[in-house]
């Protein structure tokens, strides 16, 4: 999504207070969860998500739900990202922004 992968954003959301049933997720819920989160790029740079643009669903399976759209970071940059929630084998959910 970004310059040769150099700006890949990745973050694990804490899970506290988040729904544990993957079927209850939609793009609006992922946008609310992402706004205000601190993301790390592959170089260790930290950025806060100050705004999440409209998201479009890009994946929905029994174990994964994902939406894509633009994130506005506190650096002033806008990055296109995929926000994903994945059901792990131990029934925990893994949240990521890529």
Protein backbone atom coordinates (compact mmCIF):
# COMPACT_ATOMS: atom_id res chain seq x y z
CA UNK A 1 0.00 0.00 0.00
CA UNK A 2 2.92 2.36 0.61
CA UNK A 3 6.38 3.05 -0.75
CA UNK A 4 7.89 -0.45 -1.14
CA UNK A 5 6.50 -1.50 2.22
CA UNK A 6 8.73 0.95 4.07
CA UNK A 7 5.79 2.57 5.80
CA UNK A 8 3.93 -0.57 6.83
CA UNK A 9 1.96 0.23 9.94
CA UNK A 10 1.40 -2.48 12.52
CA UNK A 11 -0.27 -2.43 15.89
CA UNK A 12 -1.91 -4.88 18.22
CA UNK A 13 -4.94 -3.42 19.95
CA UNK A 14 -5.20 -4.23 23.65
CA UNK A 15 -8.45 -6.12 23.42
CA UNK A 16 -9.74 -4.59 26.63
CA UNK A 17 -13.40 -3.78 26.22
CA UNK A 18 -13.44 -5.02 22.64
CA UNK A 19 -15.97 -7.54 21.35
CA UNK A 20 -14.66 -11.11 21.30
CA UNK A 21 -17.23 -12.42 18.78
CA UNK A 22 -15.80 -11.79 15.30
CA UNK A 23 -19.28 -11.82 13.74
CA UNK A 24 -20.11 -8.61 15.64
CA UNK A 25 -17.48 -6.56 13.79
CA UNK A 26 -18.16 -4.07 10.99
CA UNK A 27 -16.10 -1.31 9.40
CA UNK A 28 -17.57 1.37 11.69
CA UNK A 29 -16.48 -0.60 14.76
CA UNK A 30 -12.95 -1.02 13.36
CA UNK A 31 -12.79 2.73 12.61
CA UNK A 32 -13.81 3.59 16.19
CA UNK A 33 -11.20 1.18 17.57
CA UNK A 34 -8.45 2.60 15.37
CA UNK A 35 -8.98 6.32 16.01
CA UNK A 36 -6.61 7.44 18.77
CA UNK A 37 -4.40 4.34 18.54
CA UNK A 38 -0.63 4.66 18.36
CA UNK A 39 0.87 2.83 15.40
CA UNK A 40 4.47 1.80 14.77
CA UNK A 41 6.17 1.67 11.40
CA UNK A 42 8.92 -0.79 10.51
CA UNK A 43 11.57 1.73 11.60
CA UNK A 44 10.11 2.17 15.09
CA UNK A 45 8.44 5.53 14.36
CA UNK A 46 5.27 6.13 16.37
CA UNK A 47 2.19 7.84 14.98
CA UNK A 48 -1.23 8.50 16.43
CA UNK A 49 -4.31 7.96 14.26
CA UNK A 50 -6.28 11.20 14.50
CA UNK A 51 -8.91 10.40 11.88
CA UNK A 52 -10.19 7.38 10.00
CA UNK A 53 -11.76 7.97 6.60
CA UNK A 54 -14.61 5.90 5.26
CA UNK A 55 -13.69 2.22 5.35
CA UNK A 56 -14.70 -0.45 2.85
CA UNK A 57 -14.99 -4.12 3.74
CA UNK A 58 -12.29 -6.10 1.92
CA UNK A 59 -12.44 -9.49 3.65
CA UNK A 60 -14.94 -11.52 5.64
CA UNK A 61 -14.44 -15.16 6.53
CA UNK A 62 -15.32 -17.29 9.55
CA UNK A 63 -12.03 -16.25 11.18
CA UNK A 64 -11.11 -12.85 9.65
CA UNK A 65 -12.80 -9.50 9.09
CA UNK A 66 -10.98 -6.61 7.39
CA UNK A 67 -11.70 -3.12 6.09
CA UNK A 68 -9.53 -0.72 4.10
CA UNK A 69 -9.41 3.05 3.93
CA UNK A 70 -7.42 6.16 4.74
CA UNK A 71 -5.93 7.02 8.12
CA UNK A 72 -4.83 10.56 8.99
CA UNK A 73 -1.82 10.50 11.32
CA UNK A 74 -0.65 13.14 13.77
CA UNK A 75 2.32 13.71 11.43
CA UNK A 76 -0.16 15.15 8.92
CA UNK A 77 0.24 12.23 6.56
CA UNK A 78 -2.66 10.25 5.14
CA UNK A 79 -1.99 6.54 4.72
CA UNK A 80 -4.12 3.89 3.10
CA UNK A 81 -4.36 0.94 5.47
CA UNK A 82 -6.15 -2.33 6.06
CA UNK A 83 -7.58 -2.84 9.54
CA UNK A 84 -8.03 -6.50 10.37
CA UNK A 85 -9.43 -8.59 13.22
CA UNK A 86 -8.56 -12.27 13.19
CA UNK A 87 -9.82 -15.14 15.35
CA UNK A 88 -6.82 -17.08 16.63
CA UNK A 89 -6.87 -20.85 17.37
CA UNK A 90 -7.12 -20.12 21.12
CA UNK A 91 -10.27 -18.03 20.44
CA UNK A 92 -8.48 -14.76 21.21
CA UNK A 93 -8.77 -11.99 18.63
CA UNK A 94 -5.76 -10.34 17.01
CA UNK A 95 -6.20 -6.76 15.74
CA UNK A 96 -3.83 -5.20 13.26
CA UNK A 97 -3.39 -2.19 11.01
CA UNK A 98 -1.27 -2.83 7.92
